[in-house]
Amino acid sequence: MRILVIAVLVLFVCACKQDKKFQEEAWNEKGDLGIYPNREKMLKDLMSHHQLIGLNYKQLIKLLGEPEKFSDKEPITATYNIVTDID
């Protein structure tokens, strides 16, 4: 019984940290407390398979949605929350 419980816990932990393919809808899905539960899991795929540098604002919004913060001062930056630490 103890081995079964440990095996289930290991599988659960592995499944929770599993990377996901980037999907626009899932990227912008808000969970409890206003956090984004899918972003951390999609980040690797987003960075590896999508060209982000050089996008104009309209292209960025189409891909990632509205940023949490945006500054048009040099350097122009758009900020998206990936992991939120809630104490």
PDB file of N, CA and C in Angstrom:
ATOM      1  N   MET A   1       0.837  -1.200   0.000  1.00  0.00           N
ATOM      2  CA  MET A   1       0.000   0.000   0.000  1.00  0.00           C
ATOM      3  C   MET A   1       0.873   1.251   0.000  1.00  0.00           C
ATOM      4  N   ARG A   2       1.917   1.239   0.814  1.00  0.00           N
ATOM      5  CA  ARG A   2       2.799   2.395   0.920  1.00  0.00           C
ATOM      6  C   ARG A   2       3.483   2.688  -0.414  1.00  0.00           C
ATOM      7  N   ILE A   3       3.893   1.636  -1.120  1.00  0.00           N
ATOM      8  CA  ILE A   3       4.543   1.799  -2.421  1.00  0.00           C
ATOM      9  C   ILE A   3       3.555   2.396  -3.424  1.00  0.00           C
ATOM     10  N   LEU A   4       2.318   1.971  -3.379  1.00  0.00           N
ATOM     11  CA  LEU A   4       1.290   2.491  -4.271  1.00  0.00           C
ATOM     12  C   LEU A   4       1.082   3.991  -4.038  1.00  0.00           C
ATOM     13  N   VAL A   5       1.018   4.407  -2.799  1.00  0.00           N
ATOM     14  CA  VAL A   5       0.841   5.820  -2.465  1.00  0.00           C
ATOM     15  C   VAL A   5       2.035   6.629  -2.975  1.00  0.00           C
ATOM     16  N   ILE A   6       3.239   6.126  -2.766  1.00  0.00           N
ATOM     17  CA  ILE A   6       4.445   6.825  -3.231  1.00  0.00           C
ATOM     18  C   ILE A   6       4.444   6.915  -4.758  1.00  0.00           C
ATOM     19  N   ALA A   7       4.079   5.829  -5.430  1.00  0.00           N
ATOM     20  CA  ALA A   7       4.038   5.821  -6.888  1.00  0.00           C
ATOM     21  C   ALA A   7       3.037   6.844  -7.421  1.00  0.00           C
ATOM     22  N   VAL A   8       1.875   6.926  -6.812  1.00  0.00           N
ATOM     23  CA  VAL A   8       0.855   7.894  -7.227  1.00  0.00           C
ATOM     24  C   VAL A   8       1.356   9.319  -7.015  1.00  0.00           C
ATOM     25  N   LEU A   9       2.014   9.572  -5.899  1.00  0.00           N
ATOM     26  CA  LEU A   9       2.561  10.904  -5.635  1.00  0.00           C
ATOM     27  C   LEU A   9       3.634  11.284  -6.647  1.00  0.00           C
ATOM     28  N   VAL A  10       4.514  10.355  -6.981  1.00  0.00           N
ATOM     29  CA  VAL A  10       5.566  10.620  -7.977  1.00  0.00           C
ATOM     30  C   VAL A  10       4.937  10.940  -9.332  1.00  0.00           C
ATOM     31  N   LEU A  11       3.955  10.169  -9.741  1.00  0.00           N
ATOM     32  CA  LEU A  11       3.276  10.430 -11.011  1.00  0.00           C
ATOM     33  C   LEU A  11       2.580  11.788 -11.000  1.00  0.00           C
ATOM     34  N   PHE A  12       1.964  12.120  -9.887  1.00  0.00           N
ATOM     35  CA  PHE A  12       1.281  13.415  -9.773  1.00  0.00           C
ATOM     36  C   PHE A  12       2.268  14.567  -9.901  1.00  0.00           C
ATOM     37  N   VAL A  13       3.402  14.474  -9.219  1.00  0.00           N
ATOM     38  CA  VAL A  13       4.410  15.532  -9.270  1.00  0.00           C
ATOM     39  C   VAL A  13       4.966  15.666 -10.674  1.00  0.00           C
ATOM     40  N   CYS A  14       5.256  14.550 -11.319  1.00  0.00           N
ATOM     41  CA  CYS A  14       5.776  14.585 -12.692  1.00  0.00           C
ATOM     42  C   CYS A  14       4.750  15.190 -13.648  1.00  0.00           C
ATOM     43  N   ALA A  15       3.497  14.845 -13.484  1.00  0.00           N
ATOM     44  CA  ALA A  15       2.448  15.359 -14.363  1.00  0.00           C
ATOM     45  C   ALA A  15       2.234  16.853 -14.161  1.00  0.00           C
ATOM     46  N   CYS A  16       2.409  17.325 -12.954  1.00  0.00           N
ATOM     47  CA  CYS A  16       2.190  18.735 -12.665  1.00  0.00           C
ATOM     48  C   CYS A  16       3.251  19.629 -13.301  1.00  0.00           C
ATOM     49  N   LYS A  17       4.454  19.143 -13.450  1.00  0.00           N
ATOM     50  CA  LYS A  17       5.546  19.935 -13.991  1.00  0.00           C
ATOM     51  C   LYS A  17       5.748  19.708 -15.484  1.00  0.00           C
ATOM     52  N   GLN A  18       4.909  18.943 -16.110  1.00  0.00           N
ATOM     53  CA  GLN A  18       5.067  18.584 -17.508  1.00  0.00           C
ATOM     54  C   GLN A  18       4.866  19.807 -18.405  1.00  0.00           C
ATOM     55  N   ASP A  19       5.793  19.978 -19.348  1.00  0.00           N
ATOM     56  CA  ASP A  19       5.678  21.081 -20.296  1.00  0.00           C
ATOM     57  C   ASP A  19       4.496  20.843 -21.226  1.00  0.00           C
ATOM     58  N   LYS A  20       3.904  21.945 -21.668  1.00  0.00           N
ATOM     59  CA  LYS A  20       2.781  21.882 -22.603  1.00  0.00           C
ATOM     60  C   LYS A  20       3.124  22.678 -23.847  1.00  0.00           C
ATOM     61  N   LYS A  21       2.493  22.324 -24.941  1.00  0.00           N
ATOM     62  CA  LYS A  21       2.626  23.078 -26.172  1.00  0.00           C
ATOM     63  C   LYS A  21       1.885  24.410 -25.998  1.00  0.00           C
ATOM     64  N   PHE A  22       2.472  25.496 -26.507  1.00  0.00           N
ATOM     65  CA  PHE A  22       1.857  26.815 -26.393  1.00  0.00           C
ATOM     66  C   PHE A  22       0.520  26.843 -27.132  1.00  0.00           C
ATOM     67  N   GLN A  23      -0.507  27.340 -26.437  1.00  0.00           N
ATOM     68  CA  GLN A  23      -1.825  27.560 -27.020  1.00  0.00           C
ATOM     69  C   GLN A  23      -2.306  28.920 -26.524  1.00  0.00           C
ATOM     70  N   GLU A  24      -2.715  29.770 -27.451  1.00  0.00           N
ATOM     71  CA  GLU A  24      -3.104  31.137 -27.107  1.00  0.00           C
ATOM     72  C   GLU A  24      -4.189  31.195 -26.035  1.00  0.00           C
ATOM     73  N   GLU A  25      -5.234  30.401 -26.192  1.00  0.00           N
ATOM     74  CA  GLU A  25      -6.349  30.442 -25.233  1.00  0.00           C
ATOM     75  C   GLU A  25      -5.909  30.008 -23.843  1.00  0.00           C
ATOM     76  N   ALA A  26      -5.146  28.926 -23.780  1.00  0.00           N
ATOM     77  CA  ALA A  26      -4.683  28.420 -22.489  1.00  0.00           C
ATOM     78  C   ALA A  26      -3.686  29.386 -21.844  1.00  0.00           C
ATOM     79  N   TRP A  27      -2.879  30.077 -22.656  1.00  0.00           N
ATOM     80  CA  TRP A  27      -1.913  31.061 -22.142  1.00  0.00           C
ATOM     81  C   TRP A  27      -2.631  32.150 -21.352  1.00  0.00           C
ATOM     82  N   ASN A  28      -3.768  32.593 -21.842  1.00  0.00           N
ATOM     83  CA  ASN A  28      -4.494  33.699 -21.213  1.00  0.00           C
ATOM     84  C   ASN A  28      -5.552  33.253 -20.210  1.00  0.00           C
ATOM     85  N   GLU A  29      -5.686  31.971 -19.981  1.00  0.00           N
ATOM     86  CA  GLU A  29      -6.670  31.462 -19.022  1.00  0.00           C
ATOM     87  C   GLU A  29      -6.246  31.820 -17.601  1.00  0.00           C
ATOM     88  N   LYS A  30      -7.130  32.520 -16.899  1.00  0.00           N
ATOM     89  CA  LYS A  30      -6.850  32.903 -15.513  1.00  0.00           C
ATOM     90  C   LYS A  30      -7.467  31.892 -14.569  1.00  0.00           C
ATOM     91  N   GLY A  31      -6.680  31.515 -13.574  1.00  0.00           N
ATOM     92  CA  GLY A  31      -7.164  30.599 -12.551  1.00  0.00           C
ATOM     93  C   GLY A  31      -7.567  31.357 -11.305  1.00  0.00           C
ATOM     94  N   ASP A  32      -7.622  30.643 -10.206  1.00  0.00           N
ATOM     95  CA  ASP A  32      -7.952  31.258  -8.921  1.00  0.00           C
ATOM     96  C   ASP A  32      -6.945  32.341  -8.574  1.00  0.00           C
ATOM     97  N   LEU A  33      -7.390  33.356  -7.887  1.00  0.00           N
ATOM     98  CA  LEU A  33      -6.558  34.469  -7.424  1.00  0.00           C
ATOM     99  C   LEU A  33      -5.911  35.249  -8.554  1.00  0.00           C
ATOM    100  N   GLY A  34      -6.432  35.126  -9.770  1.00  0.00           N
ATOM    101  CA  GLY A  34      -5.926  35.893 -10.898  1.00  0.00           C
ATOM    102  C   GLY A  34      -4.590  35.429 -11.435  1.00  0.00           C
ATOM    103  N   ILE A  35      -4.186  34.189 -11.129  1.00  0.00           N
ATOM    104  CA  ILE A  35      -2.919  33.687 -11.646  1.00  0.00           C
ATOM    105  C   ILE A  35      -3.156  32.924 -12.947  1.00  0.00           C
ATOM    106  N   TYR A  36      -2.083  32.699 -13.687  1.00  0.00           N
ATOM    107  CA  TYR A  36      -2.152  32.002 -14.968  1.00  0.00           C
ATOM    108  C   TYR A  36      -1.531  30.616 -14.802  1.00  0.00           C
ATOM    109  N   PRO A  37      -2.326  29.576 -14.625  1.00  0.00           N
ATOM    110  CA  PRO A  37      -1.802  28.256 -14.287  1.00  0.00           C
ATOM    111  C   PRO A  37      -1.051  27.551 -15.414  1.00  0.00           C
ATOM    112  N   ASN A  38      -1.220  27.995 -16.660  1.00  0.00           N
ATOM    113  CA  ASN A  38      -0.608  27.292 -17.788  1.00  0.00           C
ATOM    114  C   ASN A  38       0.682  27.917 -18.289  1.00  0.00           C
ATOM    115  N   ARG A  39       0.941  29.151 -17.955  1.00  0.00           N
ATOM    116  CA  ARG A  39       2.046  29.874 -18.572  1.00  0.00           C
ATOM    117  C   ARG A  39       3.414  29.254 -18.319  1.00  0.00           C
ATOM    118  N   GLU A  40       3.690  28.858 -17.096  1.00  0.00           N
ATOM    119  CA  GLU A  40       5.005  28.283 -16.802  1.00  0.00           C
ATOM    120  C   GLU A  40       5.228  27.006 -17.610  1.00  0.00           C
ATOM    121  N   LYS A  41       4.187  26.204 -17.759  1.00  0.00           N
ATOM    122  CA  LYS A  41       4.299  24.944 -18.495  1.00  0.00           C
ATOM    123  C   LYS A  41       4.464  25.166 -19.998  1.00  0.00           C
ATOM    124  N   MET A  42       4.009  26.312 -20.509  1.00  0.00           N
ATOM    125  CA  MET A  42       4.080  26.609 -21.937  1.00  0.00           C
ATOM    126  C   MET A  42       5.295  27.449 -22.321  1.00  0.00           C
ATOM    127  N   LEU A  43       5.981  27.977 -21.350  1.00  0.00           N
ATOM    128  CA  LEU A  43       7.058  28.926 -21.619  1.00  0.00           C
ATOM    129  C   LEU A  43       8.157  28.338 -22.497  1.00  0.00           C
ATOM    130  N   LYS A  44       8.582  27.125 -22.230  1.00  0.00           N
ATOM    131  CA  LYS A  44       9.658  26.505 -23.010  1.00  0.00           C
ATOM    132  C   LYS A  44       9.260  26.396 -24.481  1.00  0.00           C
ATOM    133  N   ASP A  45       8.049  25.921 -24.755  1.00  0.00           N
ATOM    134  CA  ASP A  45       7.579  25.798 -26.135  1.00  0.00           C
ATOM    135  C   ASP A  45       7.443  27.174 -26.787  1.00  0.00           C
ATOM    136  N   LEU A  46       6.933  28.140 -26.053  1.00  0.00           N
ATOM    137  CA  LEU A  46       6.778  29.496 -26.585  1.00  0.00           C
ATOM    138  C   LEU A  46       8.126  30.067 -27.008  1.00  0.00           C
ATOM    139  N   MET A  47       9.124  29.937 -26.152  1.00  0.00           N
ATOM    140  CA  MET A  47      10.450  30.490 -26.434  1.00  0.00           C
ATOM    141  C   MET A  47      11.164  29.722 -27.549  1.00  0.00           C
ATOM    142  N   SER A  48      10.900  28.428 -27.658  1.00  0.00           N
ATOM    143  CA  SER A  48      11.596  27.594 -28.635  1.00  0.00           C
ATOM    144  C   SER A  48      10.971  27.639 -30.031  1.00  0.00           C
ATOM    145  N   HIS A  49       9.668  27.779 -30.105  1.00  0.00           N
ATOM    146  CA  HIS A  49       8.984  27.607 -31.386  1.00  0.00           C
ATOM    147  C   HIS A  49       8.249  28.831 -31.922  1.00  0.00           C
ATOM    148  N   HIS A  50       8.342  29.944 -31.235  1.00  0.00           N
ATOM    149  CA  HIS A  50       7.646  31.148 -31.684  1.00  0.00           C
ATOM    150  C   HIS A  50       8.617  32.325 -31.684  1.00  0.00           C
ATOM    151  N   GLN A  51       8.624  33.054 -32.784  1.00  0.00           N
ATOM    152  CA  GLN A  51       9.498  34.220 -32.912  1.00  0.00           C
ATOM    153  C   GLN A  51       8.867  35.393 -32.167  1.00  0.00           C
ATOM    154  N   LEU A  52       9.495  35.827 -31.087  1.00  0.00           N
ATOM    155  CA  LEU A  52       8.961  36.935 -30.297  1.00  0.00           C
ATOM    156  C   LEU A  52       9.712  38.243 -30.568  1.00  0.00           C
ATOM    157  N   ILE A  53      11.028  38.153 -30.726  1.00  0.00           N
ATOM    158  CA  ILE A  53      11.834  39.356 -30.967  1.00  0.00           C
ATOM    159  C   ILE A  53      11.509  39.893 -32.346  1.00  0.00           C
ATOM    160  N   GLY A  54      11.231  41.175 -32.398  1.00  0.00           N
ATOM    161  CA  GLY A  54      10.916  41.829 -33.659  1.00  0.00           C
ATOM    162  C   GLY A  54       9.430  41.955 -33.951  1.00  0.00           C
ATOM    163  N   LEU A  55       8.584  41.360 -33.122  1.00  0.00           N
ATOM    164  CA  LEU A  55       7.143  41.517 -33.326  1.00  0.00           C
ATOM    165  C   LEU A  55       6.739  42.953 -33.022  1.00  0.00           C
ATOM    166  N   ASN A  56       5.802  43.474 -33.782  1.00  0.00           N
ATOM    167  CA  ASN A  56       5.248  44.774 -33.407  1.00  0.00           C
ATOM    168  C   ASN A  56       4.165  44.540 -32.353  1.00  0.00           C
ATOM    169  N   TYR A  57       3.659  45.608 -31.778  1.00  0.00           N
ATOM    170  CA  TYR A  57       2.704  45.493 -30.673  1.00  0.00           C
ATOM    171  C   TYR A  57       1.459  44.716 -31.086  1.00  0.00           C
ATOM    172  N   LYS A  58       0.956  44.991 -32.262  1.00  0.00           N
ATOM    173  CA  LYS A  58      -0.259  44.322 -32.738  1.00  0.00           C
ATOM    174  C   LYS A  58      -0.043  42.811 -32.876  1.00  0.00           C
ATOM    175  N   GLN A  59       1.114  42.402 -33.394  1.00  0.00           N
ATOM    176  CA  GLN A  59       1.427  40.984 -33.536  1.00  0.00           C
ATOM    177  C   GLN A  59       1.579  40.316 -32.164  1.00  0.00           C
ATOM    178  N   LEU A  60       2.208  41.027 -31.234  1.00  0.00           N
ATOM    179  CA  LEU A  60       2.401  40.502 -29.886  1.00  0.00           C
ATOM    180  C   LEU A  60       1.063  40.267 -29.193  1.00  0.00           C
ATOM    181  N   ILE A  61       0.163  41.232 -29.305  1.00  0.00           N
ATOM    182  CA  ILE A  61      -1.169  41.123 -28.687  1.00  0.00           C
ATOM    183  C   ILE A  61      -1.946  39.967 -29.313  1.00  0.00           C
ATOM    184  N   LYS A  62      -1.804  39.788 -30.619  1.00  0.00           N
ATOM    185  CA  LYS A  62      -2.505  38.687 -31.288  1.00  0.00           C
ATOM    186  C   LYS A  62      -2.014  37.339 -30.762  1.00  0.00           C
ATOM    187  N   LEU A  63      -0.705  37.222 -30.495  1.00  0.00           N
ATOM    188  CA  LEU A  63      -0.137  35.966 -30.027  1.00  0.00           C
ATOM    189  C   LEU A  63      -0.361  35.729 -28.537  1.00  0.00           C
ATOM    190  N   LEU A  64      -0.085  36.748 -27.705  1.00  0.00           N
ATOM    191  CA  LEU A  64      -0.068  36.567 -26.252  1.00  0.00           C
ATOM    192  C   LEU A  64      -1.184  37.275 -25.492  1.00  0.00           C
ATOM    193  N   GLY A  65      -1.963  38.095 -26.165  1.00  0.00           N
ATOM    194  CA  GLY A  65      -2.985  38.869 -25.471  1.00  0.00           C
ATOM    195  C   GLY A  65      -2.377  40.130 -24.868  1.00  0.00           C
ATOM    196  N   GLU A  66      -3.196  40.882 -24.168  1.00  0.00           N
ATOM    197  CA  GLU A  66      -2.739  42.129 -23.542  1.00  0.00           C
ATOM    198  C   GLU A  66      -1.730  41.842 -22.438  1.00  0.00           C
ATOM    199  N   PRO A  67      -0.629  42.585 -22.400  1.00  0.00           N
ATOM    200  CA  PRO A  67       0.352  42.381 -21.329  1.00  0.00           C
ATOM    201  C   PRO A  67      -0.143  42.963 -20.007  1.00  0.00           C
ATOM    202  N   GLU A  68       0.428  42.478 -18.906  1.00  0.00           N
ATOM    203  CA  GLU A  68       0.093  43.033 -17.596  1.00  0.00           C
ATOM    204  C   GLU A  68       0.693  44.444 -17.451  1.00  0.00           C
ATOM    205  N   LYS A  69       1.857  44.650 -18.057  1.00  0.00           N
ATOM    206  CA  LYS A  69       2.494  45.970 -18.046  1.00  0.00           C
ATOM    207  C   LYS A  69       3.072  46.252 -19.417  1.00  0.00           C
ATOM    208  N   PHE A  70       3.027  47.506 -19.842  1.00  0.00           N
ATOM    209  CA  PHE A  70       3.593  47.900 -21.128  1.00  0.00           C
ATOM    210  C   PHE A  70       4.222  49.275 -20.981  1.00  0.00           C
ATOM    211  N   SER A  71       5.393  49.448 -21.573  1.00  0.00           N
ATOM    212  CA  SER A  71       6.058  50.748 -21.580  1.00  0.00           C
ATOM    213  C   SER A  71       6.542  51.025 -22.991  1.00  0.00           C
ATOM    214  N   ASP A  72       6.155  52.176 -23.523  1.00  0.00           N
ATOM    215  CA  ASP A  72       6.615  52.528 -24.861  1.00  0.00           C
ATOM    216  C   ASP A  72       7.871  53.396 -24.833  1.00  0.00           C
ATOM    217  N   LYS A  73       8.452  53.569 -23.648  1.00  0.00           N
ATOM    218  CA  LYS A  73       9.719  54.277 -23.525  1.00  0.00           C
ATOM    219  C   LYS A  73      10.841  53.318 -23.907  1.00  0.00           C
ATOM    220  N   GLU A  74      11.933  53.850 -24.427  1.00  0.00           N
ATOM    221  CA  GLU A  74      13.065  53.008 -24.832  1.00  0.00           C
ATOM    222  C   GLU A  74      13.734  52.390 -23.623  1.00  0.00           C
ATOM    223  N   PRO A  75      14.017  51.126 -23.579  1.00  0.00           N
ATOM    224  CA  PRO A  75      13.564  50.132 -24.548  1.00  0.00           C
ATOM    225  C   PRO A  75      12.086  49.798 -24.318  1.00  0.00           C
ATOM    226  N   ILE A  76      11.372  49.586 -25.396  1.00  0.00           N
ATOM    227  CA  ILE A  76       9.955  49.240 -25.310  1.00  0.00           C
ATOM    228  C   ILE A  76       9.826  47.858 -24.675  1.00  0.00           C
ATOM    229  N   THR A  77       8.970  47.741 -23.671  1.00  0.00           N
ATOM    230  CA  THR A  77       8.814  46.467 -22.977  1.00  0.00           C
ATOM    231  C   THR A  77       7.342  46.122 -22.770  1.00  0.00           C
ATOM    232  N   ALA A  78       7.072  44.831 -22.843  1.00  0.00           N
ATOM    233  CA  ALA A  78       5.754  44.289 -22.502  1.00  0.00           C
ATOM    234  C   ALA A  78       6.014  43.183 -21.488  1.00  0.00           C
ATOM    235  N   THR A  79       5.270  43.183 -20.402  1.00  0.00           N
ATOM    236  CA  THR A  79       5.491  42.225 -19.325  1.00  0.00           C
ATOM    237  C   THR A  79       4.280  41.321 -19.151  1.00  0.00           C
ATOM    238  N   TYR A  80       4.549  40.016 -19.109  1.00  0.00           N
ATOM    239  CA  TYR A  80       3.510  39.018 -18.874  1.00  0.00           C
ATOM    240  C   TYR A  80       3.884  38.229 -17.618  1.00  0.00           C
ATOM    241  N   ASN A  81       2.969  38.110 -16.682  1.00  0.00           N
ATOM    242  CA  ASN A  81       3.220  37.309 -15.487  1.00  0.00           C
ATOM    243  C   ASN A  81       3.260  35.832 -15.871  1.00  0.00           C
ATOM    244  N   ILE A  82       4.306  35.150 -15.403  1.00  0.00           N
ATOM    245  CA  ILE A  82       4.444  33.720 -15.651  1.00  0.00           C
ATOM    246  C   ILE A  82       4.125  32.954 -14.378  1.00  0.00           C
ATOM    247  N   VAL A  83       4.824  33.279 -13.312  1.00  0.00           N
ATOM    248  CA  VAL A  83       4.636  32.630 -12.021  1.00  0.00           C
ATOM    249  C   VAL A  83       4.340  33.715 -10.994  1.00  0.00           C
ATOM    250  N   THR A  84       3.293  33.540 -10.233  1.00  0.00           N
ATOM    251  CA  THR A  84       2.934  34.496  -9.202  1.00  0.00           C
ATOM    252  C   THR A  84       3.090  33.823  -7.853  1.00  0.00           C
ATOM    253  N   ASP A  85       3.890  34.434  -6.994  1.00  0.00           N
ATOM    254  CA  ASP A  85       4.103  33.908  -5.653  1.00  0.00           C
ATOM    255  C   ASP A  85       3.086  34.559  -4.729  1.00  0.00           C
ATOM    256  N   ILE A  86       2.179  33.753  -4.214  1.00  0.00           N
ATOM    257  CA  ILE A  86       1.145  34.261  -3.323  1.00  0.00           C
ATOM    258  C   ILE A  86       1.409  33.674  -1.937  1.00  0.00           C
ATOM    259  N   ASP A  87       1.664  34.547  -0.996  1.00  0.00           N
ATOM    260  CA  ASP A  87       1.915  34.102   0.372  1.00  0.00           C
ATOM    261  C   ASP A  87       0.657  34.124   1.197  1.00  0.00           C
TER     262      ASP A  87
END
